[in-house]
Amino acid sequence: MVSAYVLVKTDPGTDEAIRKKIENVEGVVSAELAYGSYDVILKVDVKSAEELDSFIFEKLRKTPGVKDTLTVITASTKR
C-alpha cells in the first residue's frame, strides 16, 4: 500500500468544483479545501507507486483547473 498527501493548486474559483470531482475517484480517502499556497489537500491510499503515478498524471493533472500538484508519500508507520 502506498499512502500520500497530494496538495493541489487550482485556477481561481475552481477549488470546490475540483474537490467535488476528485473526492470520488478510487483511492482518494479525503479531499479538503485549504488556505495558503495550495487550494485542495487530498489523502490518497493506493496499491502501488504505479497506481499513484496513474492517479496523479492521468486523472488529477488532466482535470481542467488544476494548475500544480505537490505529492508527499508517507513513510511506513511500522519500524
N, C-alpha and C. Protein backbone atom coordinates (compact mmCIF):
# COMPACT_ATOMS: atom_id res chain seq x y z
N MET A 1 0.86 -1.18 0.00
CA MET A 1 0.00 0.00 0.00
C MET A 1 0.90 1.23 0.00
N VAL A 2 0.52 2.21 -0.79
CA VAL A 2 1.20 3.50 -0.85
C VAL A 2 0.21 4.56 -0.41
N SER A 3 0.60 5.34 0.60
CA SER A 3 -0.24 6.44 1.07
C SER A 3 0.48 7.75 0.79
N ALA A 4 -0.30 8.75 0.41
CA ALA A 4 0.30 10.05 0.09
C ALA A 4 -0.70 11.17 0.35
N TYR A 5 -0.14 12.33 0.59
CA TYR A 5 -0.92 13.56 0.60
C TYR A 5 -0.56 14.28 -0.68
N VAL A 6 -1.59 14.75 -1.39
CA VAL A 6 -1.37 15.46 -2.63
C VAL A 6 -1.96 16.86 -2.47
N LEU A 7 -1.10 17.87 -2.57
CA LEU A 7 -1.52 19.26 -2.46
C LEU A 7 -1.76 19.78 -3.86
N VAL A 8 -2.87 20.47 -4.06
CA VAL A 8 -3.30 20.86 -5.39
C VAL A 8 -3.52 22.38 -5.46
N LYS A 9 -2.90 23.02 -6.46
CA LYS A 9 -3.18 24.42 -6.77
C LYS A 9 -4.20 24.43 -7.90
N THR A 10 -5.19 25.30 -7.77
CA THR A 10 -6.25 25.37 -8.79
C THR A 10 -6.34 26.77 -9.38
N ASP A 11 -7.00 26.86 -10.52
CA ASP A 11 -7.33 28.17 -11.07
C ASP A 11 -8.30 28.86 -10.10
N PRO A 12 -8.25 30.18 -10.01
CA PRO A 12 -9.14 30.89 -9.09
C PRO A 12 -10.60 30.52 -9.30
N GLY A 13 -11.28 30.23 -8.19
CA GLY A 13 -12.71 29.94 -8.24
C GLY A 13 -13.08 28.52 -8.61
N THR A 14 -12.09 27.65 -8.83
CA THR A 14 -12.40 26.28 -9.24
C THR A 14 -12.15 25.25 -8.13
N ASP A 15 -11.68 25.70 -6.98
CA ASP A 15 -11.25 24.78 -5.94
C ASP A 15 -12.36 23.83 -5.47
N GLU A 16 -13.54 24.33 -5.20
CA GLU A 16 -14.63 23.49 -4.71
C GLU A 16 -15.09 22.50 -5.78
N ALA A 17 -15.18 22.94 -7.02
CA ALA A 17 -15.60 22.04 -8.10
C ALA A 17 -14.58 20.92 -8.31
N ILE A 18 -13.31 21.25 -8.23
CA ILE A 18 -12.27 20.24 -8.38
C ILE A 18 -12.30 19.28 -7.20
N ARG A 19 -12.46 19.81 -5.99
CA ARG A 19 -12.54 18.95 -4.81
C ARG A 19 -13.69 17.95 -4.95
N LYS A 20 -14.85 18.42 -5.37
CA LYS A 20 -16.01 17.54 -5.53
C LYS A 20 -15.77 16.48 -6.61
N LYS A 21 -15.11 16.88 -7.69
CA LYS A 21 -14.88 15.94 -8.78
C LYS A 21 -13.88 14.85 -8.38
N ILE A 22 -12.85 15.24 -7.65
CA ILE A 22 -11.77 14.31 -7.30
C ILE A 22 -12.10 13.44 -6.10
N GLU A 23 -12.96 13.91 -5.19
CA GLU A 23 -13.19 13.18 -3.94
C GLU A 23 -13.76 11.77 -4.14
N ASN A 24 -14.38 11.51 -5.27
CA ASN A 24 -14.97 10.20 -5.53
C ASN A 24 -14.12 9.29 -6.41
N VAL A 25 -12.92 9.74 -6.75
CA VAL A 25 -12.02 8.91 -7.55
C VAL A 25 -11.48 7.79 -6.67
N GLU A 26 -11.38 6.61 -7.23
CA GLU A 26 -10.88 5.46 -6.48
C GLU A 26 -9.50 5.76 -5.89
N GLY A 27 -9.33 5.47 -4.62
CA GLY A 27 -8.07 5.70 -3.93
C GLY A 27 -8.04 6.97 -3.10
N VAL A 28 -8.94 7.91 -3.38
CA VAL A 28 -8.98 9.15 -2.61
C VAL A 28 -9.74 8.89 -1.31
N VAL A 29 -9.04 9.06 -0.20
CA VAL A 29 -9.61 8.84 1.12
C VAL A 29 -10.32 10.10 1.61
N SER A 30 -9.71 11.26 1.36
CA SER A 30 -10.33 12.53 1.73
C SER A 30 -9.86 13.62 0.79
N ALA A 31 -10.70 14.64 0.68
CA ALA A 31 -10.41 15.81 -0.16
C ALA A 31 -10.90 17.04 0.59
N GLU A 32 -9.99 17.89 0.99
CA GLU A 32 -10.32 19.05 1.82
C GLU A 32 -9.84 20.34 1.17
N LEU A 33 -10.64 21.39 1.31
CA LEU A 33 -10.19 22.72 0.89
C LEU A 33 -9.17 23.22 1.91
N ALA A 34 -8.24 24.07 1.45
CA ALA A 34 -7.18 24.56 2.33
C ALA A 34 -6.89 26.03 2.07
N TYR A 35 -6.32 26.68 3.07
CA TYR A 35 -5.84 28.05 2.93
C TYR A 35 -4.34 28.00 2.66
N GLY A 36 -3.83 29.01 1.98
CA GLY A 36 -2.39 29.07 1.75
C GLY A 36 -2.04 28.88 0.29
N SER A 37 -0.85 28.36 0.07
CA SER A 37 -0.34 28.20 -1.30
C SER A 37 -1.07 27.16 -2.12
N TYR A 38 -1.66 26.18 -1.44
CA TYR A 38 -2.41 25.13 -2.13
C TYR A 38 -3.88 25.23 -1.74
N ASP A 39 -4.75 24.85 -2.67
CA ASP A 39 -6.19 25.04 -2.50
C ASP A 39 -6.94 23.80 -2.03
N VAL A 40 -6.42 22.63 -2.37
CA VAL A 40 -7.07 21.37 -2.01
C VAL A 40 -5.98 20.41 -1.52
N ILE A 41 -6.29 19.68 -0.45
CA ILE A 41 -5.37 18.65 0.05
C ILE A 41 -6.09 17.31 -0.04
N LEU A 42 -5.45 16.36 -0.72
CA LEU A 42 -6.00 15.02 -0.88
C LEU A 42 -5.21 14.03 -0.05
N LYS A 43 -5.88 13.07 0.55
CA LYS A 43 -5.25 11.91 1.16
C LYS A 43 -5.56 10.75 0.24
N VAL A 44 -4.51 10.07 -0.23
CA VAL A 44 -4.67 9.02 -1.22
C VAL A 44 -4.05 7.72 -0.71
N ASP A 45 -4.77 6.63 -0.80
CA ASP A 45 -4.25 5.29 -0.50
C ASP A 45 -4.45 4.43 -1.73
N VAL A 46 -3.34 3.94 -2.28
CA VAL A 46 -3.39 3.09 -3.48
C VAL A 46 -2.51 1.86 -3.27
N LYS A 47 -2.60 0.91 -4.17
CA LYS A 47 -1.90 -0.35 -4.01
C LYS A 47 -0.41 -0.28 -4.33
N SER A 48 -0.01 0.66 -5.23
CA SER A 48 1.38 0.68 -5.68
C SER A 48 1.78 2.08 -6.14
N ALA A 49 3.08 2.25 -6.31
CA ALA A 49 3.60 3.52 -6.84
C ALA A 49 3.09 3.76 -8.26
N GLU A 50 2.93 2.70 -9.02
CA GLU A 50 2.42 2.82 -10.38
C GLU A 50 0.98 3.34 -10.37
N GLU A 51 0.19 2.86 -9.42
CA GLU A 51 -1.19 3.33 -9.30
C GLU A 51 -1.23 4.80 -8.88
N LEU A 52 -0.31 5.21 -8.01
CA LEU A 52 -0.22 6.62 -7.62
C LEU A 52 0.16 7.47 -8.83
N ASP A 53 1.13 7.01 -9.60
CA ASP A 53 1.50 7.72 -10.84
C ASP A 53 0.30 7.89 -11.75
N SER A 54 -0.45 6.83 -11.95
CA SER A 54 -1.62 6.88 -12.82
C SER A 54 -2.63 7.90 -12.30
N PHE A 55 -2.89 7.87 -11.00
CA PHE A 55 -3.83 8.83 -10.42
C PHE A 55 -3.37 10.27 -10.66
N ILE A 56 -2.10 10.55 -10.37
CA ILE A 56 -1.61 11.93 -10.49
C ILE A 56 -1.53 12.38 -11.94
N PHE A 57 -0.91 11.57 -12.79
CA PHE A 57 -0.65 12.01 -14.16
C PHE A 57 -1.83 11.83 -15.11
N GLU A 58 -2.63 10.79 -14.91
CA GLU A 58 -3.72 10.52 -15.83
C GLU A 58 -5.07 11.08 -15.39
N LYS A 59 -5.27 11.26 -14.10
CA LYS A 59 -6.56 11.75 -13.60
C LYS A 59 -6.45 13.17 -13.07
N LEU A 60 -5.64 13.35 -12.05
CA LEU A 60 -5.59 14.64 -11.36
C LEU A 60 -5.06 15.77 -12.23
N ARG A 61 -3.88 15.60 -12.80
CA ARG A 61 -3.26 16.69 -13.57
C ARG A 61 -3.98 16.99 -14.89
N LYS A 62 -4.80 16.07 -15.35
CA LYS A 62 -5.58 16.31 -16.56
C LYS A 62 -6.95 16.93 -16.27
N THR A 63 -7.24 17.16 -14.98
CA THR A 63 -8.50 17.78 -14.60
C THR A 63 -8.44 19.27 -14.91
N PRO A 64 -9.37 19.79 -15.70
CA PRO A 64 -9.37 21.23 -16.01
C PRO A 64 -9.43 22.05 -14.72
N GLY A 65 -8.55 23.04 -14.63
CA GLY A 65 -8.49 23.91 -13.46
C GLY A 65 -7.36 23.57 -12.51
N VAL A 66 -6.77 22.38 -12.64
CA VAL A 66 -5.62 22.01 -11.81
C VAL A 66 -4.38 22.64 -12.42
N LYS A 67 -3.70 23.48 -11.63
CA LYS A 67 -2.51 24.18 -12.10
C LYS A 67 -1.22 23.49 -11.71
N ASP A 68 -1.18 22.93 -10.49
CA ASP A 68 0.07 22.38 -9.98
C ASP A 68 -0.25 21.39 -8.86
N THR A 69 0.65 20.43 -8.65
CA THR A 69 0.47 19.50 -7.54
C THR A 69 1.81 19.30 -6.83
N LEU A 70 1.72 18.92 -5.58
CA LEU A 70 2.88 18.52 -4.78
C LEU A 70 2.47 17.25 -4.05
N THR A 71 3.25 16.18 -4.23
CA THR A 71 2.92 14.90 -3.63
C THR A 71 3.92 14.56 -2.54
N VAL A 72 3.39 14.18 -1.37
CA VAL A 72 4.21 13.76 -0.25
C VAL A 72 3.82 12.32 0.10
N ILE A 73 4.71 11.38 -0.18
CA ILE A 73 4.45 9.98 0.12
C ILE A 73 4.82 9.76 1.58
N THR A 74 3.90 9.15 2.33
CA THR A 74 4.15 8.95 3.75
C THR A 74 5.03 7.73 3.99
N ALA A 75 5.81 7.82 5.07
CA ALA A 75 6.68 6.71 5.46
C ALA A 75 5.85 5.64 6.16
N SER A 76 6.35 4.44 6.15
CA SER A 76 5.68 3.36 6.85
C SER A 76 5.65 3.66 8.34
N THR A 77 4.54 3.32 8.99
CA THR A 77 4.44 3.54 10.43
C THR A 77 5.03 2.36 11.20
N LYS A 78 5.35 1.28 10.52
CA LYS A 78 5.98 0.13 11.18
C LYS A 78 7.48 0.30 11.14
N ARG A 79 8.10 0.12 12.29
CA ARG A 79 9.57 0.25 12.34
C ARG A 79 10.17 -0.97 12.98
